[in-house]
Protein backbone atom coordinates (compact mmCIF):
# COMPACT_ATOMS: atom_id res chain seq x y z
CA MET A 1 -41.00 59.61 111.72
CA PHE A 2 -43.05 62.00 113.86
CA PHE A 3 -45.41 59.23 115.04
CA ARG A 4 -44.83 55.73 116.41
CA GLY A 5 -47.31 52.90 116.99
CA VAL A 6 -50.09 54.18 114.66
CA GLY A 7 -52.64 51.48 113.99
CA ARG A 8 -51.89 49.61 117.21
CA SER A 9 -54.80 49.97 119.63
CA SER A 10 -54.33 48.64 123.15
CA ASP A 11 -55.05 49.50 126.68
CA PRO A 12 -52.29 51.11 128.82
CA GLU A 13 -51.62 47.88 130.75
CA GLY A 14 -51.33 45.76 127.64
CA HIS A 15 -54.34 43.53 128.44
CA ASP A 16 -56.83 42.34 125.89
CA LYS A 17 -59.43 44.83 124.81
CA THR A 18 -62.65 44.95 126.81
CA VAL A 19 -66.12 44.84 125.37
CA GLY A 20 -66.31 48.60 125.84
CA ALA A 21 -63.12 49.09 123.82
CA HIS A 22 -64.55 46.84 121.10
CA LEU A 23 -67.58 49.17 120.96
CA LEU A 24 -65.27 52.12 120.34
CA MET A 25 -63.82 50.38 117.29
CA LYS A 26 -67.01 48.86 115.90
CA ARG A 27 -68.57 49.94 112.58
CA LEU A 28 -72.07 51.11 111.89
CA PRO A 29 -75.03 48.79 112.57
CA LEU A 30 -76.34 46.58 109.78
CA ARG A 31 -79.34 48.85 109.27
CA TRP A 32 -76.81 51.39 107.93
CA ALA A 33 -75.36 48.85 105.51
CA SER A 34 -76.65 50.79 102.46
CA PHE A 35 -74.69 53.88 103.58
CA GLY A 36 -71.14 53.52 102.36
CA GLY A 37 -69.92 56.89 103.53
CA ILE A 38 -67.76 59.24 101.54
CA GLU A 39 -64.89 57.32 100.03
CA GLY A 40 -61.57 59.11 100.36
CA LEU A 41 -62.93 61.56 102.97
CA PRO A 42 -59.60 61.68 104.87
CA LEU A 43 -57.76 62.80 101.79
CA ILE A 44 -60.47 65.34 101.02
CA ILE A 45 -60.10 66.81 104.50
CA VAL A 46 -56.31 67.00 104.40
CA PHE A 47 -55.83 68.24 100.85
CA SER A 48 -58.54 70.85 101.13
CA ASN A 49 -56.86 72.26 104.24
CA VAL A 50 -53.49 72.20 102.46
CA LEU A 51 -54.83 73.97 99.37
CA VAL A 52 -56.62 76.68 101.35
CA TYR A 53 -53.48 77.28 103.37
CA LEU A 54 -51.28 77.55 100.26
CA PHE A 55 -53.72 79.77 98.38
CA ASN A 56 -54.00 82.04 101.42
CA LEU A 57 -50.23 82.43 101.48
CA PHE A 58 -50.30 83.87 97.98
CA GLN A 59 -53.73 85.55 98.25
CA PRO A 60 -54.05 86.85 101.83
CA GLY A 61 -57.63 87.32 102.91
CA LEU A 62 -58.96 84.17 101.21
CA ILE A 63 -59.61 82.56 104.58
CA ASP A 64 -61.83 85.51 105.54
CA LEU A 65 -64.06 84.61 102.58
CA LEU A 66 -64.36 80.97 103.57
CA SER A 67 -64.77 81.14 107.34
CA LEU A 68 -68.09 80.65 109.12
CA SER A 69 -69.71 83.98 110.01
CA HIS A 70 -73.34 84.72 110.94
CA ASP A 71 -73.36 88.16 109.31
CA ALA A 72 -71.81 86.86 106.06
CA LEU A 73 -74.25 83.93 105.95
CA TRP A 74 -77.30 86.12 106.27
CA ALA A 75 -75.82 88.45 103.68
CA GLY A 76 -76.15 85.63 101.18
CA GLN A 77 -72.72 83.99 101.40
CA TRP A 78 -74.15 80.55 102.04
CA TRP A 79 -71.10 78.76 100.65
CA ARG A 80 -69.48 79.37 104.04
CA LEU A 81 -71.62 76.57 105.51
CA VAL A 82 -69.34 74.19 103.56
CA THR A 83 -66.06 76.03 103.01
CA PHE A 84 -65.38 76.65 106.67
CA VAL A 85 -64.49 72.97 106.88
CA PHE A 86 -61.55 73.60 104.55
CA VAL A 87 -59.97 76.37 106.69
CA PRO A 88 -56.88 75.15 108.68
CA PRO A 89 -57.63 75.44 112.41
CA PHE A 90 -54.63 77.61 113.25
CA SER A 91 -55.30 80.28 110.60
CA GLY A 92 -58.23 82.24 111.93
CA THR A 93 -56.61 84.39 114.66
CA ALA A 94 -53.88 86.95 114.93
CA GLY A 95 -50.52 85.45 115.71
CA SER A 96 -51.60 82.07 114.31
CA LEU A 97 -49.56 79.78 112.12
CA ALA A 98 -50.93 81.35 108.93
CA GLY A 99 -47.90 83.63 108.50
CA PRO A 100 -45.47 83.16 105.60
CA SER A 101 -42.33 82.62 107.73
CA PRO A 102 -40.46 79.31 107.06
CA PHE A 103 -41.04 78.16 110.62
CA HIS A 104 -44.79 78.68 110.32
CA VAL A 105 -44.92 76.88 107.03
CA VAL A 106 -42.98 73.90 108.43
CA MET A 107 -45.21 73.73 111.50
CA MET A 108 -48.35 73.81 109.42
CA PHE A 109 -47.16 70.96 107.26
CA VAL A 110 -46.28 68.98 110.37
CA TRP A 111 -49.89 69.52 111.47
CA PHE A 112 -51.16 68.40 108.05
CA LEU A 113 -49.07 65.25 108.33
CA PHE A 114 -50.51 64.60 111.81
CA LEU A 115 -54.01 65.33 110.55
CA HIS A 116 -53.54 62.79 107.70
CA THR A 117 -52.31 60.20 110.19
CA MET A 118 -55.30 60.75 112.45
CA VAL A 119 -58.08 60.68 109.92
CA THR A 120 -56.63 57.74 108.03
CA ALA A 121 -56.31 55.73 111.22
CA LEU A 122 -59.85 56.56 112.25
CA GLU A 123 -61.28 55.55 108.85
CA ASN A 124 -59.29 52.30 108.94
CA ALA A 125 -60.61 51.55 112.43
CA TRP A 126 -64.22 52.47 111.86
CA GLY A 127 -64.77 52.09 108.16
CA SER A 128 -65.73 54.88 105.74
CA ALA A 129 -69.39 54.99 106.84
CA ARG A 130 -68.84 55.51 110.56
CA PHE A 131 -65.97 57.97 110.00
CA THR A 132 -68.20 59.96 107.61
CA VAL A 133 -71.01 60.08 110.17
CA TYR A 134 -68.55 61.18 112.90
CA PHE A 135 -67.05 63.99 110.80
CA LEU A 136 -70.23 65.25 109.24
CA GLY A 137 -71.99 65.23 112.61
CA GLY A 138 -69.48 67.80 113.89
CA VAL A 139 -69.71 69.78 110.63
CA VAL A 140 -73.50 70.09 110.77
CA ALA A 141 -73.52 71.00 114.48
CA THR A 142 -70.88 73.71 113.96
CA ALA A 143 -72.67 75.04 110.91
CA LEU A 144 -75.89 75.37 112.96
CA VAL A 145 -74.06 77.49 115.52
CA GLY A 146 -72.92 79.69 112.66
CA LEU A 147 -76.55 80.50 111.91
CA LEU A 148 -77.01 81.94 115.38
CA PRO A 149 -76.68 85.76 115.85
CA PHE A 150 -73.09 85.89 117.09
CA SER A 151 -70.52 88.43 115.86
CA GLY A 152 -67.25 87.46 114.30
CA ALA A 153 -66.08 84.27 112.58
CA LEU A 154 -66.39 80.83 114.13
CA THR A 155 -63.42 78.50 114.24
CA ASN A 156 -63.51 74.90 113.08
CA GLY A 157 -60.64 74.13 115.49
CA TYR A 158 -62.97 72.35 117.89
CA LEU A 159 -64.19 70.15 115.05
CA GLN A 160 -60.62 69.09 114.28
CA ALA A 161 -59.98 68.77 118.02
CA SER A 162 -62.73 66.11 118.07
CA LEU A 163 -60.77 64.16 115.46
CA PHE A 164 -57.70 64.30 117.64
CA LEU A 165 -59.66 63.25 120.75
CA ALA A 166 -61.16 60.30 118.92
CA PHE A 167 -57.67 59.33 117.74
CA ALA A 168 -56.31 59.62 121.30
CA THR A 169 -59.19 57.50 122.59
CA LEU A 170 -58.73 54.65 120.05
CA PHE A 171 -54.93 54.75 119.87
CA PRO A 172 -53.80 56.05 123.30
CA ASP A 173 -50.27 54.58 123.08
CA VAL A 174 -49.26 56.18 119.79
CA GLU A 175 -46.24 58.38 120.39
CA VAL A 176 -45.69 61.79 118.88
CA LEU A 177 -42.17 63.18 118.72
CA LEU A 178 -42.76 66.56 120.31
CA PHE A 179 -40.30 69.11 118.93
CA PHE A 180 -39.07 66.17 116.81
CA ILE A 181 -37.23 64.80 119.85
CA LEU A 182 -39.42 64.09 122.88
CA PRO A 183 -41.76 61.07 122.57
CA VAL A 184 -45.16 61.80 124.14
CA LYS A 185 -48.15 59.43 124.07
CA VAL A 186 -51.24 60.96 122.55
CA LYS A 187 -53.31 59.96 125.59
CA TRP A 188 -51.45 62.60 127.59
CA MET A 189 -51.86 65.15 124.79
CA GLY A 190 -55.54 64.26 124.74
CA ALA A 191 -55.77 64.91 128.55
CA VAL A 192 -54.24 68.37 128.02
CA THR A 193 -56.68 68.99 125.18
CA TRP A 194 -59.66 68.02 127.36
CA GLY A 195 -58.38 70.35 130.11
CA SER A 196 -58.00 73.20 127.63
CA LEU A 197 -61.50 72.64 126.22
CA GLY A 198 -62.94 72.42 129.72
CA LEU A 199 -61.40 75.74 130.70
CA GLY A 200 -62.61 77.34 127.46
CA PHE A 201 -66.12 76.05 128.12
CA LEU A 202 -66.14 77.28 131.72
CA TRP A 203 -64.65 80.71 131.10
CA GLY A 204 -65.68 81.41 127.53
CA ASN A 205 -68.67 83.38 126.31
CA ALA A 206 -71.86 81.86 124.92
CA GLN A 207 -70.47 81.67 121.38
CA GLU A 208 -67.32 79.82 122.48
CA ARG A 209 -69.29 77.41 124.64
CA LEU A 210 -71.70 76.53 121.84
CA THR A 211 -68.86 76.12 119.33
CA ILE A 212 -67.00 73.80 121.68
CA ALA A 213 -70.18 71.79 122.33
CA ALA A 214 -70.93 71.60 118.59
CA GLY A 215 -67.38 70.51 117.75
CA LEU A 216 -67.56 67.69 120.31
CA VAL A 217 -71.12 66.48 119.86
CA ASN A 218 -69.93 63.85 117.40
CA TYR A 219 -67.41 62.49 119.93
CA PHE A 220 -70.08 61.93 122.59
CA LEU A 221 -72.67 60.54 120.16
CA VAL A 222 -70.30 58.08 118.44
CA LEU A 223 -67.85 57.20 121.23
CA GLY A 224 -70.04 57.94 124.27
CA PRO A 225 -71.85 54.57 124.42
CA GLY A 226 -68.59 52.61 124.23
CA LEU A 227 -66.93 54.81 126.85
CA TRP A 228 -69.95 54.33 129.17
CA VAL A 229 -69.71 50.56 128.80
CA GLN A 230 -65.96 50.74 129.50
CA ALA A 231 -66.56 52.80 132.65
CA ARG A 232 -69.24 50.35 133.91
CA LEU A 233 -67.01 47.31 133.30
CA ARG A 234 -64.04 48.89 135.03
CA TRP A 235 -66.20 49.82 138.02
CA ARG A 236 -67.57 46.31 138.17
CA ALA A 237 -64.04 44.86 138.00
CA PHE A 238 -62.93 47.23 140.74
CA GLN A 239 -65.84 46.07 142.97
CA ASN A 240 -65.05 42.44 142.25
CA ARG A 241 -61.40 42.91 143.23
CA ARG A 242 -62.47 44.58 146.48
CA ARG A 243 -64.84 41.69 147.29
CA PHE A 244 -62.15 39.12 146.47
CA ARG A 245 -59.56 40.82 148.67
CA GLY A 246 -62.06 41.12 151.51
CA ARG A 247 -62.60 37.31 151.68
CA PRO A 248 -60.91 35.39 154.56
């Protein structure tokens, strides 16, 4: 197995979940009860990525016809507003994992396995409706950036990064066998991802900054309220501990 502890959600110290943590796991409000979401969306995400990757191996250049590009959109290729979602995140740049070497193929399918693990766990935790809102929120935001007058293709890597960050937030103690040997908790991988995204946002151009923001808007909209409650509760607990220790 490449992953251990999937489906077990707990805080690092092993205590019961706080109210804030419960908010991270909750489903959509009752007023959304009529919205059932897209059933089977995790499988749609994974298998579409797999199929595009395989077809591109045998028909190089396919990804270029599916990626999000302002110039192509305004030339009438509006299907890109949907098909960019199906492009594997590591296949849009030179030196990426899109090459036909056996190592690249193996690494891509390890990523697809990880992607399947993440999206399935998120749907199980949230329900189909909330997972659909989360994913489509990032899709719509990224597609809107694609309509802006930037040159070159836009990556959907930040959209898939938001899936990983949500997974790392809800299941921080899941372990990934890095290089198939070294167990690393996803919360540490998530911290590295946040650092990388932060550097990209600070040092990137306007297009990269907007793409990062669009890819993560779903994270802050869906998980932000629960994280804010968690932070307030932890701060209150910290203050209470200080007051208790200060008593004679």
